[in-house]
Amino acid sequence: MNAETTFETHRPRLFALSYRLLGSRSDAEDVVQDTWLRWQQTDRSGIRDAEAWLVTAATRLGIDRLRAARVQREHYIGPWLPEPTEIDESPTPEHATEVAEQVSLAFLAVLERLGPEERAAFLLKEAFDYDYAQIAPLLGQSEANCRQMVHRARERVQAGRPRFDVAPENHRRLLERFMHAARRGDQPAIAALLREDARLVSDGGGKVAAVIRPLLGAVRIARLFWAAYRRQDPAITWRMGAVNGEPAILRYRDGRLTAVMVAISDGEQISELFTLANPDKLGLGVTAQDGGASW
């Protein structure tokens, strides 16, 4: 195969890795493009394993970009949440399951708690089934260090996820009940659907009104939705859909998508809510005046 055909064969894998590493569609596309430029410019006569070379290049470029992004995010207004690759208004169960595996917005938000190399090691091991002998030279670390990084990352990720698997239909039904309760401003019903120590993270990016710090506690979160209900705008409608394959609440204003919400739950109560309202990440380009108040 020529250079372009070889690269295109591996492009989907490179994008999948870069997106999971960075949580940004546009940044992942940039990493894949930079990997292509390096591949094009390198002497490939001595490369025996094209996939290994490309994955190594993409991972190292991704780690560098993630480090730079984290410095930039220190000036971001409010919490930073990942950018979705797919928002589906009418998802089918089969497609949702296929897309959601390891790319759910909630899962990517949990990965934000990991350091760049720790995140790369964890993803290569858990999502792409690389062994430690492959990961070590790729990251320039010993196998022992990679094992420790993956072990620490696994513990931190598991701490932020449900302790047992939740059937997708149960999670969806719970989120739908939450949507109905929030839409009518029913504080007791909202609080009952949340764990007592529930957490709400909202990303408006300074472009629309949003909670600029994580909101903790079922009662406080219920009050927020009650306050939003009291300011109710008749132009706003809510519906269920999917974001990156996982069940999500989609909010529209005059038919335009203004926010999406995903959650982590045990199937009976919600432990974390993630609201994305930054129009740049939703591909909308609306102004703060257009966007209205966020959750």
C-alpha atoms as a PDB file:
ATOM      1  CA  MET A   1       0.000   0.000   0.000  1.00  0.00           C
ATOM      2  CA  ASN A   2       1.138   3.535  -0.646  1.00  0.00           C
ATOM      3  CA  ALA A   3       1.521   6.092   2.180  1.00  0.00           C
ATOM      4  CA  GLU A   4      -1.952   7.608   1.808  1.00  0.00           C
ATOM      5  CA  THR A   5      -3.787   4.286   1.617  1.00  0.00           C
ATOM      6  CA  THR A   6      -1.922   2.992   4.664  1.00  0.00           C
ATOM      7  CA  PHE A   7      -2.746   6.103   6.637  1.00  0.00           C
ATOM      8  CA  GLU A   8      -6.421   6.117   5.648  1.00  0.00           C
ATOM      9  CA  THR A   9      -6.684   2.492   6.777  1.00  0.00           C
ATOM     10  CA  HIS A  10      -5.671   3.537  10.276  1.00  0.00           C
ATOM     11  CA  ARG A  11      -7.355   6.954  10.379  1.00  0.00           C
ATOM     12  CA  PRO A  12     -10.506   5.786  12.263  1.00  0.00           C
ATOM     13  CA  ARG A  13      -8.367   4.225  15.001  1.00  0.00           C
ATOM     14  CA  LEU A  14      -6.186   7.328  15.266  1.00  0.00           C
ATOM     15  CA  PHE A  15      -9.229   9.593  15.579  1.00  0.00           C
ATOM     16  CA  ALA A  16     -10.860   7.294  18.151  1.00  0.00           C
ATOM     17  CA  LEU A  17      -7.726   7.356  20.300  1.00  0.00           C
ATOM     18  CA  SER A  18      -7.175  11.109  19.913  1.00  0.00           C
ATOM     19  CA  TYR A  19     -10.790  11.936  20.734  1.00  0.00           C
ATOM     20  CA  ARG A  20     -10.791   9.798  23.873  1.00  0.00           C
ATOM     21  CA  LEU A  21      -7.496  11.360  24.898  1.00  0.00           C
ATOM     22  CA  LEU A  22      -8.537  14.986  24.294  1.00  0.00           C
ATOM     23  CA  GLY A  23     -12.317  15.039  24.656  1.00  0.00           C
ATOM     24  CA  SER A  24     -12.506  17.462  21.726  1.00  0.00           C
ATOM     25  CA  ARG A  25     -13.533  16.612  18.176  1.00  0.00           C
ATOM     26  CA  SER A  26     -11.649  19.546  16.661  1.00  0.00           C
ATOM     27  CA  ASP A  27      -8.458  18.850  18.650  1.00  0.00           C
ATOM     28  CA  ALA A  28      -8.623  15.170  17.710  1.00  0.00           C
ATOM     29  CA  GLU A  29      -8.940  16.078  14.032  1.00  0.00           C
ATOM     30  CA  ASP A  30      -5.899  18.351  14.380  1.00  0.00           C
ATOM     31  CA  VAL A  31      -3.865  15.544  15.946  1.00  0.00           C
ATOM     32  CA  VAL A  32      -4.810  13.165  13.140  1.00  0.00           C
ATOM     33  CA  GLN A  33      -3.837  15.793  10.568  1.00  0.00           C
ATOM     34  CA  ASP A  34      -0.493  16.426  12.296  1.00  0.00           C
ATOM     35  CA  THR A  35       0.113  12.674  12.389  1.00  0.00           C
ATOM     36  CA  TRP A  36      -0.540  12.510   8.650  1.00  0.00           C
ATOM     37  CA  LEU A  37       1.971  15.302   8.004  1.00  0.00           C
ATOM     38  CA  ARG A  38       4.628  13.473  10.024  1.00  0.00           C
ATOM     39  CA  TRP A  39       3.844  10.216   8.264  1.00  0.00           C
ATOM     40  CA  GLN A  40       4.105  11.915   4.897  1.00  0.00           C
ATOM     41  CA  GLN A  41       7.444  13.538   5.713  1.00  0.00           C
ATOM     42  CA  THR A  42       9.179  10.584   7.371  1.00  0.00           C
ATOM     43  CA  ASP A  43      11.373   7.967   5.723  1.00  0.00           C
ATOM     44  CA  ARG A  44       9.073   4.948   5.851  1.00  0.00           C
ATOM     45  CA  SER A  45      11.521   2.426   4.384  1.00  0.00           C
ATOM     46  CA  GLY A  46      12.561   1.215   7.861  1.00  0.00           C
ATOM     47  CA  ILE A  47       9.077   1.137   9.395  1.00  0.00           C
ATOM     48  CA  ARG A  48       7.947  -2.450   9.864  1.00  0.00           C
ATOM     49  CA  ASP A  49       4.705  -1.790  11.747  1.00  0.00           C
ATOM     50  CA  ALA A  50       2.820   1.181  10.322  1.00  0.00           C
ATOM     51  CA  GLU A  51       0.031   0.992  12.907  1.00  0.00           C
ATOM     52  CA  ALA A  52       2.480   1.052  15.819  1.00  0.00           C
ATOM     53  CA  TRP A  53       4.310   4.044  14.307  1.00  0.00           C
ATOM     54  CA  LEU A  54       1.085   5.966  13.684  1.00  0.00           C
ATOM     55  CA  VAL A  55      -0.438   5.221  17.094  1.00  0.00           C
ATOM     56  CA  THR A  56       2.816   6.256  18.789  1.00  0.00           C
ATOM     57  CA  ALA A  57       2.915   9.523  16.853  1.00  0.00           C
ATOM     58  CA  ALA A  58      -0.744  10.299  17.509  1.00  0.00           C
ATOM     59  CA  THR A  59      -0.441   9.484  21.220  1.00  0.00           C
ATOM     60  CA  ARG A  60       2.596  11.687  21.739  1.00  0.00           C
ATOM     61  CA  LEU A  61       1.034  14.532  19.764  1.00  0.00           C
ATOM     62  CA  GLY A  62      -2.167  14.088  21.745  1.00  0.00           C
ATOM     63  CA  ILE A  63      -0.357  14.190  25.102  1.00  0.00           C
ATOM     64  CA  ASP A  64       1.453  17.388  24.087  1.00  0.00           C
ATOM     65  CA  ARG A  65      -1.812  18.972  22.969  1.00  0.00           C
ATOM     66  CA  LEU A  66      -3.586  17.873  26.147  1.00  0.00           C
ATOM     67  CA  ARG A  67      -0.884  19.458  28.308  1.00  0.00           C
ATOM     68  CA  ALA A  68      -1.212  22.724  26.366  1.00  0.00           C
ATOM     69  CA  ALA A  69      -5.016  22.558  26.512  1.00  0.00           C
ATOM     70  CA  ARG A  70      -4.991  22.175  30.284  1.00  0.00           C
ATOM     71  CA  VAL A  71      -2.930  25.338  30.620  1.00  0.00           C
ATOM     72  CA  GLN A  72      -5.400  27.168  28.371  1.00  0.00           C
ATOM     73  CA  ARG A  73      -8.372  25.784  30.316  1.00  0.00           C
ATOM     74  CA  GLU A  74      -7.104  27.532  33.447  1.00  0.00           C
ATOM     75  CA  HIS A  75      -8.590  30.664  31.860  1.00  0.00           C
ATOM     76  CA  TYR A  76     -11.809  28.945  30.767  1.00  0.00           C
ATOM     77  CA  ILE A  77     -14.933  30.415  32.366  1.00  0.00           C
ATOM     78  CA  GLY A  78     -16.441  27.718  34.569  1.00  0.00           C
ATOM     79  CA  PRO A  79     -15.965  23.945  34.259  1.00  0.00           C
ATOM     80  CA  TRP A  80     -14.745  22.471  30.971  1.00  0.00           C
ATOM     81  CA  LEU A  81     -16.650  19.478  29.589  1.00  0.00           C
ATOM     82  CA  PRO A  82     -15.832  17.322  26.550  1.00  0.00           C
ATOM     83  CA  GLU A  83     -17.187  18.166  23.118  1.00  0.00           C
ATOM     84  CA  PRO A  84     -19.569  15.539  21.664  1.00  0.00           C
ATOM     85  CA  THR A  85     -19.025  13.958  18.280  1.00  0.00           C
ATOM     86  CA  GLU A  86     -22.663  12.985  17.784  1.00  0.00           C
ATOM     87  CA  ILE A  87     -26.017  14.353  18.948  1.00  0.00           C
ATOM     88  CA  ASP A  88     -28.933  12.154  17.916  1.00  0.00           C
ATOM     89  CA  GLU A  89     -32.553  13.248  18.280  1.00  0.00           C
ATOM     90  CA  SER A  90     -33.964   9.813  17.455  1.00  0.00           C
ATOM     91  CA  PRO A  91     -31.410   7.170  18.458  1.00  0.00           C
ATOM     92  CA  THR A  92     -31.952   3.479  17.850  1.00  0.00           C
ATOM     93  CA  PRO A  93     -30.865   1.153  20.674  1.00  0.00           C
ATOM     94  CA  GLU A  94     -28.412  -0.730  18.445  1.00  0.00           C
ATOM     95  CA  HIS A  95     -26.683   2.400  17.179  1.00  0.00           C
ATOM     96  CA  ALA A  96     -26.611   3.972  20.633  1.00  0.00           C
ATOM     97  CA  THR A  97     -24.875   0.935  22.139  1.00  0.00           C
ATOM     98  CA  GLU A  98     -22.308   0.895  19.347  1.00  0.00           C
ATOM     99  CA  VAL A  99     -21.453   4.595  19.724  1.00  0.00           C
ATOM    100  CA  ALA A 100     -21.616   4.818  23.516  1.00  0.00           C
ATOM    101  CA  GLU A 101     -18.965   2.207  24.245  1.00  0.00           C
ATOM    102  CA  GLN A 102     -16.053   4.096  25.823  1.00  0.00           C
ATOM    103  CA  VAL A 103     -17.039   7.450  24.246  1.00  0.00           C
ATOM    104  CA  SER A 104     -19.954   8.540  26.402  1.00  0.00           C
ATOM    105  CA  LEU A 105     -19.732  12.170  27.442  1.00  0.00           C
ATOM    106  CA  ALA A 106     -20.010  11.159  31.096  1.00  0.00           C
ATOM    107  CA  PHE A 107     -17.101   8.721  30.713  1.00  0.00           C
ATOM    108  CA  LEU A 108     -14.964  11.360  28.989  1.00  0.00           C
ATOM    109  CA  ALA A 109     -15.791  13.813  31.788  1.00  0.00           C
ATOM    110  CA  VAL A 110     -14.511  11.275  34.324  1.00  0.00           C
ATOM    111  CA  LEU A 111     -11.310  10.871  32.289  1.00  0.00           C
ATOM    112  CA  GLU A 112     -10.652  14.600  32.803  1.00  0.00           C
ATOM    113  CA  ARG A 113      -9.561  13.670  36.330  1.00  0.00           C
ATOM    114  CA  LEU A 114      -6.504  11.858  34.952  1.00  0.00           C
ATOM    115  CA  GLY A 115      -3.125  13.310  34.027  1.00  0.00           C
ATOM    116  CA  PRO A 116      -2.138  13.261  30.322  1.00  0.00           C
ATOM    117  CA  GLU A 117       0.216  10.227  30.401  1.00  0.00           C
ATOM    118  CA  GLU A 118      -2.004   8.421  32.904  1.00  0.00           C
ATOM    119  CA  ARG A 119      -4.979   8.964  30.617  1.00  0.00           C
ATOM    120  CA  ALA A 120      -3.055   7.729  27.576  1.00  0.00           C
ATOM    121  CA  ALA A 121      -1.853   4.585  29.366  1.00  0.00           C
ATOM    122  CA  PHE A 122      -5.352   3.837  30.654  1.00  0.00           C
ATOM    123  CA  LEU A 123      -6.971   4.267  27.229  1.00  0.00           C
ATOM    124  CA  LEU A 124      -4.375   2.207  25.395  1.00  0.00           C
ATOM    125  CA  LYS A 125      -4.839  -0.623  27.894  1.00  0.00           C
ATOM    126  CA  GLU A 126      -8.573  -0.494  28.563  1.00  0.00           C
ATOM    127  CA  ALA A 127     -10.051   0.836  25.314  1.00  0.00           C
ATOM    128  CA  PHE A 128      -7.562  -0.448  22.732  1.00  0.00           C
ATOM    129  CA  ASP A 129      -6.312  -3.611  24.465  1.00  0.00           C
ATOM    130  CA  TYR A 130      -2.598  -2.829  24.180  1.00  0.00           C
ATOM    131  CA  ASP A 131      -0.325  -4.802  26.495  1.00  0.00           C
ATOM    132  CA  TYR A 132       2.235  -3.153  28.755  1.00  0.00           C
ATOM    133  CA  ALA A 133       5.109  -4.201  26.504  1.00  0.00           C
ATOM    134  CA  GLN A 134       3.519  -2.092  23.749  1.00  0.00           C
ATOM    135  CA  ILE A 135       2.524   0.833  25.970  1.00  0.00           C
ATOM    136  CA  ALA A 136       5.904   1.280  27.689  1.00  0.00           C
ATOM    137  CA  PRO A 137       8.032   2.288  24.663  1.00  0.00           C
ATOM    138  CA  LEU A 138       5.146   4.303  23.260  1.00  0.00           C
ATOM    139  CA  LEU A 139       5.100   6.493  26.393  1.00  0.00           C
ATOM    140  CA  GLY A 140       8.817   6.269  27.090  1.00  0.00           C
ATOM    141  CA  GLN A 141       8.132   4.584  30.450  1.00  0.00           C
ATOM    142  CA  SER A 142       9.006   1.239  32.023  1.00  0.00           C
ATOM    143  CA  GLU A 143       6.399  -1.513  32.022  1.00  0.00           C
ATOM    144  CA  ALA A 144       6.243  -1.268  35.829  1.00  0.00           C
ATOM    145  CA  ASN A 145       5.463   2.449  35.667  1.00  0.00           C
ATOM    146  CA  CYS A 146       2.784   1.852  33.045  1.00  0.00           C
ATOM    147  CA  ARG A 147       1.171  -0.793  35.237  1.00  0.00           C
ATOM    148  CA  GLN A 148       1.101   1.648  38.141  1.00  0.00           C
ATOM    149  CA  MET A 149      -0.361   4.416  35.971  1.00  0.00           C
ATOM    150  CA  VAL A 150      -3.119   2.167  34.651  1.00  0.00           C
ATOM    151  CA  HIS A 151      -3.860   0.850  38.151  1.00  0.00           C
ATOM    152  CA  ARG A 152      -4.182   4.373  39.572  1.00  0.00           C
ATOM    153  CA  ALA A 153      -6.259   5.513  36.600  1.00  0.00           C
ATOM    154  CA  ARG A 154      -8.579   2.521  36.884  1.00  0.00           C
ATOM    155  CA  GLU A 155      -9.210   3.285  40.556  1.00  0.00           C
ATOM    156  CA  ARG A 156      -9.952   6.955  39.850  1.00  0.00           C
ATOM    157  CA  VAL A 157     -12.240   6.144  36.927  1.00  0.00           C
ATOM    158  CA  GLN A 158     -14.129   3.495  38.887  1.00  0.00           C
ATOM    159  CA  ALA A 159     -14.616   5.972  41.749  1.00  0.00           C
ATOM    160  CA  GLY A 160     -16.433   8.272  39.336  1.00  0.00           C
ATOM    161  CA  ARG A 161     -18.630   5.613  37.724  1.00  0.00           C
ATOM    162  CA  PRO A 162     -21.485   3.400  38.987  1.00  0.00           C
ATOM    163  CA  ARG A 163     -20.345   0.458  41.099  1.00  0.00           C
ATOM    164  CA  PHE A 164     -22.291  -1.944  38.911  1.00  0.00           C
ATOM    165  CA  ASP A 165     -23.526  -2.025  35.353  1.00  0.00           C
ATOM    166  CA  VAL A 166     -26.804  -0.300  34.634  1.00  0.00           C
ATOM    167  CA  ALA A 167     -29.093  -1.495  31.869  1.00  0.00           C
ATOM    168  CA  PRO A 168     -29.320   1.310  29.262  1.00  0.00           C
ATOM    169  CA  GLU A 169     -33.120   1.218  29.278  1.00  0.00           C
ATOM    170  CA  ASN A 170     -33.183   1.702  33.084  1.00  0.00           C
ATOM    171  CA  HIS A 171     -30.787   4.618  32.864  1.00  0.00           C
ATOM    172  CA  ARG A 172     -32.841   6.191  30.094  1.00  0.00           C
ATOM    173  CA  ARG A 173     -36.099   5.809  32.030  1.00  0.00           C
ATOM    174  CA  LEU A 174     -34.496   7.419  35.091  1.00  0.00           C
ATOM    175  CA  LEU A 175     -33.208  10.349  33.046  1.00  0.00           C
ATOM    176  CA  GLU A 176     -36.621  10.751  31.412  1.00  0.00           C
ATOM    177  CA  ARG A 177     -38.283  10.881  34.845  1.00  0.00           C
ATOM    178  CA  PHE A 178     -35.757  13.517  35.854  1.00  0.00           C
ATOM    179  CA  MET A 179     -36.545  15.536  32.737  1.00  0.00           C
ATOM    180  CA  HIS A 180     -40.284  15.531  33.480  1.00  0.00           C
ATOM    181  CA  ALA A 181     -39.717  16.502  37.131  1.00  0.00           C
ATOM    182  CA  ALA A 182     -37.286  19.290  36.190  1.00  0.00           C
ATOM    183  CA  ARG A 183     -39.564  20.598  33.460  1.00  0.00           C
ATOM    184  CA  ARG A 184     -42.381  21.163  35.966  1.00  0.00           C
ATOM    185  CA  GLY A 185     -40.041  22.450  38.706  1.00  0.00           C
ATOM    186  CA  ASP A 186     -41.017  19.672  41.139  1.00  0.00           C
ATOM    187  CA  GLN A 187     -38.337  20.038  43.836  1.00  0.00           C
ATOM    188  CA  PRO A 188     -39.255  16.946  45.918  1.00  0.00           C
ATOM    189  CA  ALA A 189     -39.395  14.731  42.807  1.00  0.00           C
ATOM    190  CA  ILE A 190     -36.066  16.079  41.506  1.00  0.00           C
ATOM    191  CA  ALA A 191     -34.347  15.577  44.862  1.00  0.00           C
ATOM    192  CA  ALA A 192     -35.728  12.030  45.145  1.00  0.00           C
ATOM    193  CA  LEU A 193     -34.164  11.101  41.811  1.00  0.00           C
ATOM    194  CA  LEU A 194     -30.736  12.338  42.942  1.00  0.00           C
ATOM    195  CA  ARG A 195     -28.291  10.868  45.400  1.00  0.00           C
ATOM    196  CA  GLU A 196     -27.960  13.032  48.473  1.00  0.00           C
ATOM    197  CA  ASP A 197     -24.368  13.869  47.458  1.00  0.00           C
ATOM    198  CA  ALA A 198     -25.182  14.349  43.754  1.00  0.00           C
ATOM    199  CA  ARG A 199     -23.044  16.716  41.702  1.00  0.00           C
ATOM    200  CA  LEU A 200     -23.986  18.987  38.790  1.00  0.00           C
ATOM    201  CA  VAL A 201     -21.327  20.282  36.377  1.00  0.00           C
ATOM    202  CA  SER A 202     -22.351  22.868  33.780  1.00  0.00           C
ATOM    203  CA  ASP A 203     -20.260  24.149  30.865  1.00  0.00           C
ATOM    204  CA  GLY A 204     -21.406  27.420  29.313  1.00  0.00           C
ATOM    205  CA  GLY A 205     -17.901  28.536  28.339  1.00  0.00           C
ATOM    206  CA  GLY A 206     -18.754  32.124  29.206  1.00  0.00           C
ATOM    207  CA  LYS A 207     -21.025  32.195  26.148  1.00  0.00           C
ATOM    208  CA  VAL A 208     -24.320  31.466  27.928  1.00  0.00           C
ATOM    209  CA  ALA A 209     -25.471  31.590  31.551  1.00  0.00           C
ATOM    210  CA  ALA A 210     -24.346  28.505  33.466  1.00  0.00           C
ATOM    211  CA  VAL A 211     -23.344  27.381  36.944  1.00  0.00           C
ATOM    212  CA  ILE A 212     -19.668  28.362  37.040  1.00  0.00           C
ATOM    213  CA  ARG A 213     -18.749  25.930  39.832  1.00  0.00           C
ATOM    214  CA  PRO A 214     -19.896  22.350  40.389  1.00  0.00           C
ATOM    215  CA  LEU A 215     -23.098  22.320  42.406  1.00  0.00           C
ATOM    216  CA  LEU A 216     -23.174  19.716  45.190  1.00  0.00           C
ATOM    217  CA  GLY A 217     -26.155  18.128  46.902  1.00  0.00           C
ATOM    218  CA  ALA A 218     -29.597  16.970  45.796  1.00  0.00           C
ATOM    219  CA  VAL A 219     -31.409  19.804  47.557  1.00  0.00           C
ATOM    220  CA  ARG A 220     -29.273  22.540  45.983  1.00  0.00           C
ATOM    221  CA  ILE A 221     -29.594  21.008  42.520  1.00  0.00           C
ATOM    222  CA  ALA A 222     -33.380  20.704  42.946  1.00  0.00           C
ATOM    223  CA  ARG A 223     -33.547  24.380  43.910  1.00  0.00           C
ATOM    224  CA  LEU A 224     -31.641  25.316  40.760  1.00  0.00           C
ATOM    225  CA  PHE A 225     -34.166  23.550  38.539  1.00  0.00           C
ATOM    226  CA  TRP A 226     -37.058  25.055  40.495  1.00  0.00           C
ATOM    227  CA  ALA A 227     -35.573  28.530  39.961  1.00  0.00           C
ATOM    228  CA  ALA A 228     -35.162  27.777  36.246  1.00  0.00           C
ATOM    229  CA  TYR A 229     -38.792  26.644  36.107  1.00  0.00           C
ATOM    230  CA  ARG A 230     -39.953  29.946  37.636  1.00  0.00           C
ATOM    231  CA  ARG A 231     -38.178  31.806  34.816  1.00  0.00           C
ATOM    232  CA  GLN A 232     -39.730  29.461  32.303  1.00  0.00           C
ATOM    233  CA  ASP A 233     -39.529  30.583  28.683  1.00  0.00           C
ATOM    234  CA  PRO A 234     -42.410  29.270  26.528  1.00  0.00           C
ATOM    235  CA  ALA A 235     -39.993  29.070  23.587  1.00  0.00           C
ATOM    236  CA  ILE A 236     -37.996  26.330  25.381  1.00  0.00           C
ATOM    237  CA  THR A 237     -38.800  22.655  24.804  1.00  0.00           C
ATOM    238  CA  TRP A 238     -37.144  19.524  26.183  1.00  0.00           C
ATOM    239  CA  ARG A 239     -36.922  16.055  24.709  1.00  0.00           C
ATOM    240  CA  MET A 240     -34.970  12.829  25.117  1.00  0.00           C
ATOM    241  CA  GLY A 241     -32.216  11.956  22.660  1.00  0.00           C
ATOM    242  CA  ALA A 242     -28.651  10.673  22.730  1.00  0.00           C
ATOM    243  CA  VAL A 243     -25.217  12.265  22.882  1.00  0.00           C
ATOM    244  CA  ASN A 244     -22.305  10.064  21.808  1.00  0.00           C
ATOM    245  CA  GLY A 245     -24.714   7.166  22.028  1.00  0.00           C
ATOM    246  CA  GLU A 246     -25.765   7.621  25.680  1.00  0.00           C
ATOM    247  CA  PRO A 247     -29.235   8.783  26.772  1.00  0.00           C
ATOM    248  CA  ALA A 248     -29.409  12.556  27.075  1.00  0.00           C
ATOM    249  CA  ILE A 249     -31.833  15.384  27.668  1.00  0.00           C
ATOM    250  CA  LEU A 250     -31.830  17.838  24.769  1.00  0.00           C
ATOM    251  CA  ARG A 251     -33.094  21.378  25.268  1.00  0.00           C
ATOM    252  CA  TYR A 252     -34.258  23.628  22.431  1.00  0.00           C
ATOM    253  CA  ARG A 253     -35.196  27.273  22.176  1.00  0.00           C
ATOM    254  CA  ASP A 254     -37.369  28.141  19.181  1.00  0.00           C
ATOM    255  CA  GLY A 255     -36.351  24.810  17.655  1.00  0.00           C
ATOM    256  CA  ARG A 256     -32.580  25.370  18.056  1.00  0.00           C
ATOM    257  CA  LEU A 257     -30.518  23.114  20.294  1.00  0.00           C
ATOM    258  CA  THR A 258     -29.156  25.130  23.234  1.00  0.00           C
ATOM    259  CA  ALA A 259     -28.023  22.508  25.753  1.00  0.00           C
ATOM    260  CA  VAL A 260     -27.593  18.786  26.352  1.00  0.00           C
ATOM    261  CA  MET A 261     -27.487  16.928  29.643  1.00  0.00           C
ATOM    262  CA  VAL A 262     -26.100  13.469  30.417  1.00  0.00           C
ATOM    263  CA  ALA A 263     -25.838  11.667  33.728  1.00  0.00           C
ATOM    264  CA  ILE A 264     -24.159   8.936  35.745  1.00  0.00           C
ATOM    265  CA  SER A 265     -26.573   6.756  37.693  1.00  0.00           C
ATOM    266  CA  ASP A 266     -27.030   3.375  39.348  1.00  0.00           C
ATOM    267  CA  GLY A 267     -30.377   2.965  37.574  1.00  0.00           C
ATOM    268  CA  GLU A 268     -32.311   4.205  40.618  1.00  0.00           C
ATOM    269  CA  GLN A 269     -30.688   7.533  41.469  1.00  0.00           C
ATOM    270  CA  ILE A 270     -28.428   9.985  39.654  1.00  0.00           C
ATOM    271  CA  SER A 271     -25.000  10.673  41.129  1.00  0.00           C
ATOM    272  CA  GLU A 272     -23.677  13.165  38.562  1.00  0.00           C
ATOM    273  CA  LEU A 273     -25.221  15.460  35.965  1.00  0.00           C
ATOM    274  CA  PHE A 274     -23.203  17.028  33.149  1.00  0.00           C
ATOM    275  CA  THR A 275     -24.733  19.905  31.214  1.00  0.00           C
ATOM    276  CA  LEU A 276     -23.113  21.207  28.038  1.00  0.00           C
ATOM    277  CA  ALA A 277     -24.427  24.556  26.831  1.00  0.00           C
ATOM    278  CA  ASN A 278     -21.359  26.168  25.244  1.00  0.00           C
ATOM    279  CA  PRO A 279     -22.633  26.845  21.704  1.00  0.00           C
ATOM    280  CA  ASP A 280     -19.131  26.374  20.250  1.00  0.00           C
ATOM    281  CA  LYS A 281     -19.223  22.734  21.355  1.00  0.00           C
ATOM    282  CA  LEU A 282     -22.740  22.211  20.063  1.00  0.00           C
ATOM    283  CA  GLY A 283     -21.879  23.594  16.636  1.00  0.00           C
ATOM    284  CA  LEU A 284     -24.434  26.371  16.928  1.00  0.00           C
ATOM    285  CA  GLY A 285     -22.666  29.697  17.041  1.00  0.00           C
ATOM    286  CA  VAL A 286     -25.532  31.323  18.976  1.00  0.00           C
ATOM    287  CA  THR A 287     -24.956  34.444  21.037  1.00  0.00           C
ATOM    288  CA  ALA A 288     -25.435  34.702  24.780  1.00  0.00           C
ATOM    289  CA  GLN A 289     -28.694  36.543  24.140  1.00  0.00           C
ATOM    290  CA  ASP A 290     -29.924  33.762  21.885  1.00  0.00           C
ATOM    291  CA  GLY A 291     -28.859  30.962  24.215  1.00  0.00           C
ATOM    292  CA  GLY A 292     -30.824  32.048  27.275  1.00  0.00           C
ATOM    293  CA  ALA A 293     -30.237  30.669  30.742  1.00  0.00           C
ATOM    294  CA  SER A 294     -28.662  27.266  31.133  1.00  0.00           C
ATOM    295  CA  TRP A 295     -29.298  24.601  33.753  1.00  0.00           C
END
